[in-house]
Amino acid sequence: EANIVRATNLSEKVYGRESLIFAESQEIMARLHTNLGDFDKAKREISECIKIVSKNLNQEHIRNAPFITDLAIIELAENPQKNAGKVEKDFNQAKQIIEKTFGNKHPQYAES
């Protein structure tokens, strides 16, 4: 955990908190916190990733699809029954972004 925190702090210092590189570091932190069961922290971190991509590129940009998928996975891990509707909505949103970007015949779409 210490190395991930150090890397995230370094990416923030070098590239800034609104950079896409910082968002990628935040995603790693979110995955760590998901694995540790700290779902609130993981959701905050991955939501920040989505906000950064939306601000720098746009909300429907392909770089947001993995972050939206990560958010769905966090919510599924946290409480499958309670969050089922939100999880489905997030997965569908990511799938729509992929379809809009690549079309529905692309392997990336098939994986979604």
PDB file of N, CA and C in Angstrom:
ATOM      1  N   GLU A   1       0.823  -1.198   0.000  1.00  0.00           N
ATOM      2  CA  GLU A   1       0.000   0.000   0.000  1.00  0.00           C
ATOM      3  C   GLU A   1       0.869   1.264   0.000  1.00  0.00           C
ATOM      4  N   ALA A   2       1.953   1.238   0.750  1.00  0.00           N
ATOM      5  CA  ALA A   2       2.813   2.425   0.852  1.00  0.00           C
ATOM      6  C   ALA A   2       3.376   2.820  -0.508  1.00  0.00           C
ATOM      7  N   ASN A   3       3.750   1.848  -1.316  1.00  0.00           N
ATOM      8  CA  ASN A   3       4.296   2.150  -2.639  1.00  0.00           C
ATOM      9  C   ASN A   3       3.245   2.760  -3.561  1.00  0.00           C
ATOM     10  N   ILE A   4       2.025   2.279  -3.465  1.00  0.00           N
ATOM     11  CA  ILE A   4       0.949   2.832  -4.292  1.00  0.00           C
ATOM     12  C   ILE A   4       0.636   4.259  -3.869  1.00  0.00           C
ATOM     13  N   VAL A   5       0.605   4.501  -2.581  1.00  0.00           N
ATOM     14  CA  VAL A   5       0.373   5.859  -2.078  1.00  0.00           C
ATOM     15  C   VAL A   5       1.494   6.787  -2.530  1.00  0.00           C
ATOM     16  N   ARG A   6       2.717   6.315  -2.427  1.00  0.00           N
ATOM     17  CA  ARG A   6       3.869   7.121  -2.852  1.00  0.00           C
ATOM     18  C   ARG A   6       3.786   7.442  -4.353  1.00  0.00           C
ATOM     19  N   ALA A   7       3.436   6.462  -5.164  1.00  0.00           N
ATOM     20  CA  ALA A   7       3.324   6.674  -6.610  1.00  0.00           C
ATOM     21  C   ALA A   7       2.191   7.643  -6.941  1.00  0.00           C
ATOM     22  N   THR A   8       1.069   7.521  -6.246  1.00  0.00           N
ATOM     23  CA  THR A   8      -0.058   8.421  -6.474  1.00  0.00           C
ATOM     24  C   THR A   8       0.312   9.851  -6.079  1.00  0.00           C
ATOM     25  N   ASN A   9       0.972  10.009  -4.952  1.00  0.00           N
ATOM     26  CA  ASN A   9       1.409  11.345  -4.516  1.00  0.00           C
ATOM     27  C   ASN A   9       2.394  11.946  -5.508  1.00  0.00           C
ATOM     28  N   LEU A  10       3.279  11.129  -6.036  1.00  0.00           N
ATOM     29  CA  LEU A  10       4.256  11.609  -7.014  1.00  0.00           C
ATOM     30  C   LEU A  10       3.559  12.034  -8.306  1.00  0.00           C
ATOM     31  N   SER A  11       2.599  11.239  -8.781  1.00  0.00           N
ATOM     32  CA  SER A  11       1.898  11.619 -10.014  1.00  0.00           C
ATOM     33  C   SER A  11       1.101  12.906  -9.815  1.00  0.00           C
ATOM     34  N   GLU A  12       0.557  13.087  -8.616  1.00  0.00           N
ATOM     35  CA  GLU A  12      -0.155  14.338  -8.325  1.00  0.00           C
ATOM     36  C   GLU A  12       0.801  15.522  -8.336  1.00  0.00           C
ATOM     37  N   LYS A  13       1.961  15.347  -7.722  1.00  0.00           N
ATOM     38  CA  LYS A  13       2.942  16.439  -7.646  1.00  0.00           C
ATOM     39  C   LYS A  13       3.489  16.793  -9.032  1.00  0.00           C
ATOM     40  N   VAL A  14       3.798  15.784  -9.832  1.00  0.00           N
ATOM     41  CA  VAL A  14       4.422  16.022 -11.136  1.00  0.00           C
ATOM     42  C   VAL A  14       3.400  16.478 -12.180  1.00  0.00           C
ATOM     43  N   TYR A  15       2.235  15.811 -12.240  1.00  0.00           N
ATOM     44  CA  TYR A  15       1.279  16.061 -13.321  1.00  0.00           C
ATOM     45  C   TYR A  15       0.057  16.867 -12.901  1.00  0.00           C
ATOM     46  N   GLY A  16      -0.202  16.941 -11.606  1.00  0.00           N
ATOM     47  CA  GLY A  16      -1.360  17.678 -11.119  1.00  0.00           C
ATOM     48  C   GLY A  16      -2.556  16.775 -10.879  1.00  0.00           C
ATOM     49  N   ARG A  17      -3.399  17.204  -9.973  1.00  0.00           N
ATOM     50  CA  ARG A  17      -4.545  16.407  -9.534  1.00  0.00           C
ATOM     51  C   ARG A  17      -5.616  16.264 -10.613  1.00  0.00           C
ATOM     52  N   GLU A  18      -5.597  17.090 -11.617  1.00  0.00           N
ATOM     53  CA  GLU A  18      -6.601  17.033 -12.695  1.00  0.00           C
ATOM     54  C   GLU A  18      -6.077  16.310 -13.934  1.00  0.00           C
ATOM     55  N   SER A  19      -4.904  15.701 -13.849  1.00  0.00           N
ATOM     56  CA  SER A  19      -4.314  15.053 -15.029  1.00  0.00           C
ATOM     57  C   SER A  19      -4.826  13.630 -15.202  1.00  0.00           C
ATOM     58  N   LEU A  20      -4.773  13.166 -16.438  1.00  0.00           N
ATOM     59  CA  LEU A  20      -5.181  11.798 -16.744  1.00  0.00           C
ATOM     60  C   LEU A  20      -4.224  10.782 -16.121  1.00  0.00           C
ATOM     61  N   ILE A  21      -2.964  11.143 -15.985  1.00  0.00           N
ATOM     62  CA  ILE A  21      -1.991  10.249 -15.351  1.00  0.00           C
ATOM     63  C   ILE A  21      -2.319  10.082 -13.870  1.00  0.00           C
ATOM     64  N   PHE A  22      -2.695  11.174 -13.225  1.00  0.00           N
ATOM     65  CA  PHE A  22      -3.116  11.068 -11.822  1.00  0.00           C
ATOM     66  C   PHE A  22      -4.354  10.177 -11.711  1.00  0.00           C
ATOM     67  N   ALA A  23      -5.281  10.299 -12.657  1.00  0.00           N
ATOM     68  CA  ALA A  23      -6.488   9.459 -12.634  1.00  0.00           C
ATOM     69  C   ALA A  23      -6.115   7.982 -12.696  1.00  0.00           C
ATOM     70  N   GLU A  24      -5.125   7.634 -13.501  1.00  0.00           N
ATOM     71  CA  GLU A  24      -4.691   6.238 -13.579  1.00  0.00           C
ATOM     72  C   GLU A  24      -4.107   5.769 -12.246  1.00  0.00           C
ATOM     73  N   SER A  25      -3.382   6.641 -11.560  1.00  0.00           N
ATOM     74  CA  SER A  25      -2.857   6.299 -10.236  1.00  0.00           C
ATOM     75  C   SER A  25      -3.989   6.122  -9.235  1.00  0.00           C
ATOM     76  N   GLN A  26      -4.994   6.993  -9.333  1.00  0.00           N
ATOM     77  CA  GLN A  26      -6.160   6.882  -8.451  1.00  0.00           C
ATOM     78  C   GLN A  26      -6.905   5.566  -8.679  1.00  0.00           C
ATOM     79  N   GLU A  27      -6.941   5.123  -9.923  1.00  0.00           N
ATOM     80  CA  GLU A  27      -7.613   3.852 -10.218  1.00  0.00           C
ATOM     81  C   GLU A  27      -6.921   2.699  -9.492  1.00  0.00           C
ATOM     82  N   ILE A  28      -5.602   2.729  -9.459  1.00  0.00           N
ATOM     83  CA  ILE A  28      -4.850   1.690  -8.749  1.00  0.00           C
ATOM     84  C   ILE A  28      -5.176   1.748  -7.255  1.00  0.00           C
ATOM     85  N   MET A  29      -5.251   2.965  -6.716  1.00  0.00           N
ATOM     86  CA  MET A  29      -5.623   3.125  -5.302  1.00  0.00           C
ATOM     87  C   MET A  29      -7.024   2.568  -5.062  1.00  0.00           C
ATOM     88  N   ALA A  30      -7.947   2.855  -5.963  1.00  0.00           N
ATOM     89  CA  ALA A  30      -9.322   2.371  -5.809  1.00  0.00           C
ATOM     90  C   ALA A  30      -9.375   0.849  -5.829  1.00  0.00           C
ATOM     91  N   ARG A  31      -8.598   0.242  -6.701  1.00  0.00           N
ATOM     92  CA  ARG A  31      -8.575  -1.224  -6.748  1.00  0.00           C
ATOM     93  C   ARG A  31      -7.982  -1.798  -5.462  1.00  0.00           C
ATOM     94  N   LEU A  32      -6.958  -1.165  -4.947  1.00  0.00           N
ATOM     95  CA  LEU A  32      -6.376  -1.598  -3.677  1.00  0.00           C
ATOM     96  C   LEU A  32      -7.425  -1.519  -2.569  1.00  0.00           C
ATOM     97  N   HIS A  33      -8.103  -0.382  -2.479  1.00  0.00           N
ATOM     98  CA  HIS A  33      -9.093  -0.204  -1.419  1.00  0.00           C
ATOM     99  C   HIS A  33     -10.288  -1.143  -1.589  1.00  0.00           C
ATOM    100  N   THR A  34     -10.636  -1.459  -2.827  1.00  0.00           N
ATOM    101  CA  THR A  34     -11.687  -2.462  -3.053  1.00  0.00           C
ATOM    102  C   THR A  34     -11.251  -3.806  -2.493  1.00  0.00           C
ATOM    103  N   ASN A  35     -10.025  -4.200  -2.799  1.00  0.00           N
ATOM    104  CA  ASN A  35      -9.508  -5.485  -2.311  1.00  0.00           C
ATOM    105  C   ASN A  35      -9.386  -5.522  -0.795  1.00  0.00           C
ATOM    106  N   LEU A  36      -9.167  -4.357  -0.189  1.00  0.00           N
ATOM    107  CA  LEU A  36      -9.075  -4.282   1.266  1.00  0.00           C
ATOM    108  C   LEU A  36     -10.451  -4.143   1.924  1.00  0.00           C
ATOM    109  N   GLY A  37     -11.490  -3.998   1.109  1.00  0.00           N
ATOM    110  CA  GLY A  37     -12.844  -3.872   1.649  1.00  0.00           C
ATOM    111  C   GLY A  37     -13.234  -2.467   2.048  1.00  0.00           C
ATOM    112  N   ASP A  38     -12.414  -1.473   1.701  1.00  0.00           N
ATOM    113  CA  ASP A  38     -12.729  -0.081   2.013  1.00  0.00           C
ATOM    114  C   ASP A  38     -13.464   0.528   0.813  1.00  0.00           C
ATOM    115  N   PHE A  39     -14.746   0.159   0.676  1.00  0.00           N
ATOM    116  CA  PHE A  39     -15.513   0.499  -0.510  1.00  0.00           C
ATOM    117  C   PHE A  39     -15.812   1.997  -0.614  1.00  0.00           C
ATOM    118  N   ASP A  40     -16.015   2.672   0.504  1.00  0.00           N
ATOM    119  CA  ASP A  40     -16.280   4.113   0.450  1.00  0.00           C
ATOM    120  C   ASP A  40     -15.091   4.863  -0.146  1.00  0.00           C
ATOM    121  N   LYS A  41     -13.911   4.522   0.321  1.00  0.00           N
ATOM    122  CA  LYS A  41     -12.702   5.166  -0.201  1.00  0.00           C
ATOM    123  C   LYS A  41     -12.519   4.824  -1.683  1.00  0.00           C
ATOM    124  N   ALA A  42     -12.739   3.565  -2.036  1.00  0.00           N
ATOM    125  CA  ALA A  42     -12.588   3.129  -3.427  1.00  0.00           C
ATOM    126  C   ALA A  42     -13.570   3.868  -4.341  1.00  0.00           C
ATOM    127  N   LYS A  43     -14.815   4.030  -3.887  1.00  0.00           N
ATOM    128  CA  LYS A  43     -15.808   4.742  -4.695  1.00  0.00           C
ATOM    129  C   LYS A  43     -15.438   6.212  -4.873  1.00  0.00           C
ATOM    130  N   ARG A  44     -14.939   6.835  -3.816  1.00  0.00           N
ATOM    131  CA  ARG A  44     -14.501   8.240  -3.935  1.00  0.00           C
ATOM    132  C   ARG A  44     -13.371   8.362  -4.948  1.00  0.00           C
ATOM    133  N   GLU A  45     -12.417   7.445  -4.879  1.00  0.00           N
ATOM    134  CA  GLU A  45     -11.257   7.511  -5.782  1.00  0.00           C
ATOM    135  C   GLU A  45     -11.657   7.269  -7.230  1.00  0.00           C
ATOM    136  N   ILE A  46     -12.482   6.264  -7.479  1.00  0.00           N
ATOM    137  CA  ILE A  46     -12.859   5.971  -8.856  1.00  0.00           C
ATOM    138  C   ILE A  46     -13.799   7.040  -9.398  1.00  0.00           C
ATOM    139  N   SER A  47     -14.621   7.623  -8.538  1.00  0.00           N
ATOM    140  CA  SER A  47     -15.481   8.735  -8.965  1.00  0.00           C
ATOM    141  C   SER A  47     -14.632   9.942  -9.363  1.00  0.00           C
ATOM    142  N   GLU A  48     -13.540  10.145  -8.658  1.00  0.00           N
ATOM    143  CA  GLU A  48     -12.618  11.228  -9.026  1.00  0.00           C
ATOM    144  C   GLU A  48     -12.010  10.961 -10.398  1.00  0.00           C
ATOM    145  N   CYS A  49     -11.686   9.713 -10.689  1.00  0.00           N
ATOM    146  CA  CYS A  49     -11.155   9.351 -12.008  1.00  0.00           C
ATOM    147  C   CYS A  49     -12.151   9.720 -13.106  1.00  0.00           C
ATOM    148  N   ILE A  50     -13.416   9.369 -12.887  1.00  0.00           N
ATOM    149  CA  ILE A  50     -14.463   9.667 -13.864  1.00  0.00           C
ATOM    150  C   ILE A  50     -14.588  11.171 -14.065  1.00  0.00           C
ATOM    151  N   LYS A  51     -14.519  11.914 -12.975  1.00  0.00           N
ATOM    152  CA  LYS A  51     -14.616  13.378 -13.053  1.00  0.00           C
ATOM    153  C   LYS A  51     -13.437  13.978 -13.824  1.00  0.00           C
ATOM    154  N   ILE A  52     -12.244  13.459 -13.597  1.00  0.00           N
ATOM    155  CA  ILE A  52     -11.047  13.971 -14.281  1.00  0.00           C
ATOM    156  C   ILE A  52     -11.153  13.732 -15.786  1.00  0.00           C
ATOM    157  N   VAL A  53     -11.521  12.512 -16.187  1.00  0.00           N
ATOM    158  CA  VAL A  53     -11.657  12.221 -17.619  1.00  0.00           C
ATOM    159  C   VAL A  53     -12.757  13.076 -18.232  1.00  0.00           C
ATOM    160  N   SER A  54     -13.878  13.200 -17.527  1.00  0.00           N
ATOM    161  CA  SER A  54     -14.986  14.007 -18.036  1.00  0.00           C
ATOM    162  C   SER A  54     -14.563  15.458 -18.238  1.00  0.00           C
ATOM    163  N   LYS A  55     -13.769  15.980 -17.327  1.00  0.00           N
ATOM    164  CA  LYS A  55     -13.319  17.369 -17.427  1.00  0.00           C
ATOM    165  C   LYS A  55     -12.287  17.544 -18.543  1.00  0.00           C
ATOM    166  N   ASN A  56     -11.337  16.625 -18.654  1.00  0.00           N
ATOM    167  CA  ASN A  56     -10.257  16.759 -19.639  1.00  0.00           C
ATOM    168  C   ASN A  56     -10.667  16.352 -21.048  1.00  0.00           C
ATOM    169  N   LEU A  57     -11.529  15.373 -21.165  1.00  0.00           N
ATOM    170  CA  LEU A  57     -11.916  14.863 -22.484  1.00  0.00           C
ATOM    171  C   LEU A  57     -13.422  15.064 -22.646  1.00  0.00           C
ATOM    172  N   ASN A  58     -14.215  14.150 -22.171  1.00  0.00           N
ATOM    173  CA  ASN A  58     -15.653  14.321 -22.005  1.00  0.00           C
ATOM    174  C   ASN A  58     -16.213  13.075 -21.333  1.00  0.00           C
ATOM    175  N   GLN A  59     -17.414  13.173 -20.845  1.00  0.00           N
ATOM    176  CA  GLN A  59     -17.993  12.087 -20.051  1.00  0.00           C
ATOM    177  C   GLN A  59     -18.131  10.803 -20.862  1.00  0.00           C
ATOM    178  N   GLU A  60     -18.344  10.919 -22.163  1.00  0.00           N
ATOM    179  CA  GLU A  60     -18.558   9.752 -23.017  1.00  0.00           C
ATOM    180  C   GLU A  60     -17.262   9.272 -23.676  1.00  0.00           C
ATOM    181  N   HIS A  61     -16.120   9.766 -23.231  1.00  0.00           N
ATOM    182  CA  HIS A  61     -14.841   9.353 -23.818  1.00  0.00           C
ATOM    183  C   HIS A  61     -14.526   7.915 -23.424  1.00  0.00           C
ATOM    184  N   ILE A  62     -13.886   7.188 -24.320  1.00  0.00           N
ATOM    185  CA  ILE A  62     -13.576   5.776 -24.100  1.00  0.00           C
ATOM    186  C   ILE A  62     -12.731   5.553 -22.843  1.00  0.00           C
ATOM    187  N   ARG A  63     -11.941   6.528 -22.452  1.00  0.00           N
ATOM    188  CA  ARG A  63     -11.112   6.363 -21.252  1.00  0.00           C
ATOM    189  C   ARG A  63     -11.946   6.308 -19.977  1.00  0.00           C
ATOM    190  N   ASN A  64     -13.206   6.715 -20.067  1.00  0.00           N
ATOM    191  CA  ASN A  64     -14.084   6.633 -18.892  1.00  0.00           C
ATOM    192  C   ASN A  64     -14.709   5.249 -18.739  1.00  0.00           C
ATOM    193  N   ALA A  65     -14.804   4.484 -19.812  1.00  0.00           N
ATOM    194  CA  ALA A  65     -15.469   3.178 -19.749  1.00  0.00           C
ATOM    195  C   ALA A  65     -14.852   2.256 -18.688  1.00  0.00           C
ATOM    196  N   PRO A  66     -13.522   2.111 -18.620  1.00  0.00           N
ATOM    197  CA  PRO A  66     -12.956   1.246 -17.577  1.00  0.00           C
ATOM    198  C   PRO A  66     -13.219   1.769 -16.159  1.00  0.00           C
ATOM    199  N   PHE A  67     -13.221   3.085 -15.987  1.00  0.00           N
ATOM    200  CA  PHE A  67     -13.475   3.650 -14.663  1.00  0.00           C
ATOM    201  C   PHE A  67     -14.925   3.403 -14.246  1.00  0.00           C
ATOM    202  N   ILE A  68     -15.849   3.547 -15.185  1.00  0.00           N
ATOM    203  CA  ILE A  68     -17.261   3.290 -14.886  1.00  0.00           C
ATOM    204  C   ILE A  68     -17.459   1.812 -14.563  1.00  0.00           C
ATOM    205  N   THR A  69     -16.755   0.949 -15.289  1.00  0.00           N
ATOM    206  CA  THR A  69     -16.798  -0.489 -15.002  1.00  0.00           C
ATOM    207  C   THR A  69     -16.233  -0.769 -13.616  1.00  0.00           C
ATOM    208  N   ASP A  70     -15.127  -0.123 -13.278  1.00  0.00           N
ATOM    209  CA  ASP A  70     -14.546  -0.276 -11.936  1.00  0.00           C
ATOM    210  C   ASP A  70     -15.541   0.136 -10.856  1.00  0.00           C
ATOM    211  N   LEU A  71     -16.256   1.236 -11.085  1.00  0.00           N
ATOM    212  CA  LEU A  71     -17.254   1.691 -10.117  1.00  0.00           C
ATOM    213  C   LEU A  71     -18.331   0.624  -9.923  1.00  0.00           C
ATOM    214  N   ALA A  72     -18.769   0.017 -11.014  1.00  0.00           N
ATOM    215  CA  ALA A  72     -19.778  -1.045 -10.923  1.00  0.00           C
ATOM    216  C   ALA A  72     -19.248  -2.235 -10.129  1.00  0.00           C
ATOM    217  N   ILE A  73     -17.996  -2.585 -10.354  1.00  0.00           N
ATOM    218  CA  ILE A  73     -17.390  -3.719  -9.647  1.00  0.00           C
ATOM    219  C   ILE A  73     -17.290  -3.426  -8.147  1.00  0.00           C
ATOM    220  N   ILE A  74     -16.922  -2.200  -7.807  1.00  0.00           N
ATOM    221  CA  ILE A  74     -16.844  -1.807  -6.394  1.00  0.00           C
ATOM    222  C   ILE A  74     -18.226  -1.925  -5.749  1.00  0.00           C
ATOM    223  N   GLU A  75     -19.229  -1.389  -6.428  1.00  0.00           N
ATOM    224  CA  GLU A  75     -20.590  -1.438  -5.880  1.00  0.00           C
ATOM    225  C   GLU A  75     -21.097  -2.874  -5.769  1.00  0.00           C
ATOM    226  N   LEU A  76     -20.726  -3.717  -6.717  1.00  0.00           N
ATOM    227  CA  LEU A  76     -21.120  -5.124  -6.668  1.00  0.00           C
ATOM    228  C   LEU A  76     -20.450  -5.829  -5.493  1.00  0.00           C
ATOM    229  N   ALA A  77     -19.175  -5.540  -5.285  1.00  0.00           N
ATOM    230  CA  ALA A  77     -18.445  -6.147  -4.171  1.00  0.00           C
ATOM    231  C   ALA A  77     -18.992  -5.663  -2.826  1.00  0.00           C
ATOM    232  N   GLU A  78     -19.390  -4.412  -2.784  1.00  0.00           N
ATOM    233  CA  GLU A  78     -19.871  -3.822  -1.531  1.00  0.00           C
ATOM    234  C   GLU A  78     -21.192  -4.443  -1.077  1.00  0.00           C
ATOM    235  N   ASN A  79     -22.154  -4.527  -1.986  1.00  0.00           N
ATOM    236  CA  ASN A  79     -23.467  -5.054  -1.604  1.00  0.00           C
ATOM    237  C   ASN A  79     -24.239  -5.436  -2.876  1.00  0.00           C
ATOM    238  N   PRO A  80     -24.115  -6.688  -3.302  1.00  0.00           N
ATOM    239  CA  PRO A  80     -24.720  -7.105  -4.573  1.00  0.00           C
ATOM    240  C   PRO A  80     -26.232  -6.865  -4.660  1.00  0.00           C
ATOM    241  N   GLN A  81     -26.974  -7.178  -3.604  1.00  0.00           N
ATOM    242  CA  GLN A  81     -28.420  -7.011  -3.654  1.00  0.00           C
ATOM    243  C   GLN A  81     -28.825  -5.540  -3.669  1.00  0.00           C
ATOM    244  N   LYS A  82     -28.280  -4.782  -2.770  1.00  0.00           N
ATOM    245  CA  LYS A  82     -28.654  -3.372  -2.636  1.00  0.00           C
ATOM    246  C   LYS A  82     -28.265  -2.565  -3.876  1.00  0.00           C
ATOM    247  N   ASN A  83     -27.110  -2.863  -4.457  1.00  0.00           N
ATOM    248  CA  ASN A  83     -26.584  -2.046  -5.543  1.00  0.00           C
ATOM    249  C   ASN A  83     -26.835  -2.626  -6.935  1.00  0.00           C
ATOM    250  N   ALA A  84     -27.651  -3.654  -7.050  1.00  0.00           N
ATOM    251  CA  ALA A  84     -27.846  -4.335  -8.337  1.00  0.00           C
ATOM    252  C   ALA A  84     -28.282  -3.381  -9.450  1.00  0.00           C
ATOM    253  N   GLY A  85     -29.215  -2.502  -9.177  1.00  0.00           N
ATOM    254  CA  GLY A  85     -29.687  -1.556 -10.194  1.00  0.00           C
ATOM    255  C   GLY A  85     -28.605  -0.598 -10.638  1.00  0.00           C
ATOM    256  N   LYS A  86     -27.851  -0.075  -9.687  1.00  0.00           N
ATOM    257  CA  LYS A  86     -26.764   0.852 -10.004  1.00  0.00           C
ATOM    258  C   LYS A  86     -25.663   0.139 -10.788  1.00  0.00           C
ATOM    259  N   VAL A  87     -25.352  -1.081 -10.403  1.00  0.00           N
ATOM    260  CA  VAL A  87     -24.318  -1.864 -11.096  1.00  0.00           C
ATOM    261  C   VAL A  87     -24.719  -2.074 -12.556  1.00  0.00           C
ATOM    262  N   GLU A  88     -25.959  -2.473 -12.770  1.00  0.00           N
ATOM    263  CA  GLU A  88     -26.433  -2.696 -14.141  1.00  0.00           C
ATOM    264  C   GLU A  88     -26.380  -1.407 -14.957  1.00  0.00           C
ATOM    265  N   LYS A  89     -26.796  -0.290 -14.352  1.00  0.00           N
ATOM    266  CA  LYS A  89     -26.753   1.014 -15.029  1.00  0.00           C
ATOM    267  C   LYS A  89     -25.318   1.380 -15.418  1.00  0.00           C
ATOM    268  N   ASP A  90     -24.376   1.176 -14.495  1.00  0.00           N
ATOM    269  CA  ASP A  90     -22.971   1.503 -14.778  1.00  0.00           C
ATOM    270  C   ASP A  90     -22.406   0.619 -15.890  1.00  0.00           C
ATOM    271  N   PHE A  91     -22.661  -0.691 -15.802  1.00  0.00           N
ATOM    272  CA  PHE A  91     -22.177  -1.592 -16.855  1.00  0.00           C
ATOM    273  C   PHE A  91     -22.754  -1.208 -18.215  1.00  0.00           C
ATOM    274  N   ASN A  92     -24.032  -0.868 -18.252  1.00  0.00           N
ATOM    275  CA  ASN A  92     -24.654  -0.458 -19.518  1.00  0.00           C
ATOM    276  C   ASN A  92     -24.070   0.843 -20.044  1.00  0.00           C
ATOM    277  N   GLN A  93     -23.777   1.779 -19.145  1.00  0.00           N
ATOM    278  CA  GLN A  93     -23.173   3.043 -19.572  1.00  0.00           C
ATOM    279  C   GLN A  93     -21.796   2.795 -20.185  1.00  0.00           C
ATOM    280  N   ALA A  94     -20.992   1.959 -19.547  1.00  0.00           N
ATOM    281  CA  ALA A  94     -19.664   1.641 -20.087  1.00  0.00           C
ATOM    282  C   ALA A  94     -19.790   0.954 -21.442  1.00  0.00           C
ATOM    283  N   LYS A  95     -20.728   0.041 -21.556  1.00  0.00           N
ATOM    284  CA  LYS A  95     -20.958  -0.676 -22.811  1.00  0.00           C
ATOM    285  C   LYS A  95     -21.373   0.290 -23.921  1.00  0.00           C
ATOM    286  N   GLN A  96     -22.231   1.259 -23.604  1.00  0.00           N
ATOM    287  CA  GLN A  96     -22.668   2.247 -24.591  1.00  0.00           C
ATOM    288  C   GLN A  96     -21.508   3.116 -25.063  1.00  0.00           C
ATOM    289  N   ILE A  97     -20.624   3.474 -24.145  1.00  0.00           N
ATOM    290  CA  ILE A  97     -19.445   4.268 -24.527  1.00  0.00           C
ATOM    291  C   ILE A  97     -18.576   3.461 -25.489  1.00  0.00           C
ATOM    292  N   ILE A  98     -18.379   2.196 -25.180  1.00  0.00           N
ATOM    293  CA  ILE A  98     -17.559   1.333 -26.042  1.00  0.00           C
ATOM    294  C   ILE A  98     -18.212   1.175 -27.411  1.00  0.00           C
ATOM    295  N   GLU A  99     -19.523   0.953 -27.425  1.00  0.00           N
ATOM    296  CA  GLU A  99     -20.232   0.801 -28.701  1.00  0.00           C
ATOM    297  C   GLU A  99     -20.155   2.087 -29.519  1.00  0.00           C
ATOM    298  N   LYS A 100     -20.328   3.220 -28.860  1.00  0.00           N
ATOM    299  CA  LYS A 100     -20.265   4.520 -29.554  1.00  0.00           C
ATOM    300  C   LYS A 100     -18.879   4.747 -30.157  1.00  0.00           C
ATOM    301  N   THR A 101     -17.852   4.306 -29.457  1.00  0.00           N
ATOM    302  CA  THR A 101     -16.485   4.529 -29.912  1.00  0.00           C
ATOM    303  C   THR A 101     -16.068   3.542 -31.002  1.00  0.00           C
ATOM    304  N   PHE A 102     -16.363   2.256 -30.796  1.00  0.00           N
ATOM    305  CA  PHE A 102     -15.840   1.217 -31.682  1.00  0.00           C
ATOM    306  C   PHE A 102     -16.890   0.548 -32.561  1.00  0.00           C
ATOM    307  N   GLY A 103     -18.166   0.674 -32.217  1.00  0.00           N
ATOM    308  CA  GLY A 103     -19.213  -0.065 -32.916  1.00  0.00           C
ATOM    309  C   GLY A 103     -19.462  -1.398 -32.227  1.00  0.00           C
ATOM    310  N   ASN A 104     -20.536  -2.068 -32.632  1.00  0.00           N
ATOM    311  CA  ASN A 104     -20.900  -3.301 -31.940  1.00  0.00           C
ATOM    312  C   ASN A 104     -20.282  -4.558 -32.552  1.00  0.00           C
ATOM    313  N   LYS A 105     -19.387  -4.403 -33.509  1.00  0.00           N
ATOM    314  CA  LYS A 105     -18.708  -5.561 -34.101  1.00  0.00           C
ATOM    315  C   LYS A 105     -17.245  -5.653 -33.652  1.00  0.00           C
ATOM    316  N   HIS A 106     -16.821  -4.720 -32.860  1.00  0.00           N
ATOM    317  CA  HIS A 106     -15.426  -4.672 -32.387  1.00  0.00           C
ATOM    318  C   HIS A 106     -15.240  -5.624 -31.209  1.00  0.00           C
ATOM    319  N   PRO A 107     -14.056  -6.269 -31.090  1.00  0.00           N
ATOM    320  CA  PRO A 107     -13.814  -7.174 -29.962  1.00  0.00           C
ATOM    321  C   PRO A 107     -13.976  -6.496 -28.589  1.00  0.00           C
ATOM    322  N   GLN A 108     -13.636  -5.230 -28.512  1.00  0.00           N
ATOM    323  CA  GLN A 108     -13.788  -4.492 -27.259  1.00  0.00           C
ATOM    324  C   GLN A 108     -15.253  -4.467 -26.828  1.00  0.00           C
ATOM    325  N   TYR A 109     -16.143  -4.311 -27.802  1.00  0.00           N
ATOM    326  CA  TYR A 109     -17.575  -4.318 -27.488  1.00  0.00           C
ATOM    327  C   TYR A 109     -18.011  -5.693 -27.011  1.00  0.00           C
ATOM    328  N   ALA A 110     -17.510  -6.711 -27.657  1.00  0.00           N
ATOM    329  CA  ALA A 110     -17.869  -8.087 -27.281  1.00  0.00           C
ATOM    330  C   ALA A 110     -17.432  -8.388 -25.846  1.00  0.00           C
ATOM    331  N   GLU A 111     -16.306  -7.847 -25.426  1.00  0.00           N
ATOM    332  CA  GLU A 111     -15.810  -8.057 -24.063  1.00  0.00           C
ATOM    333  C   GLU A 111     -16.659  -7.339 -23.029  1.00  0.00           C
ATOM    334  N   SER A 112     -17.351  -6.287 -23.465  1.00  0.00           N
ATOM    335  CA  SER A 112     -18.142  -5.523 -22.505  1.00  0.00           C
ATOM    336  C   SER A 112     -19.434  -6.242 -22.242  1.00  0.00           C
TER     337      SER A 112
END
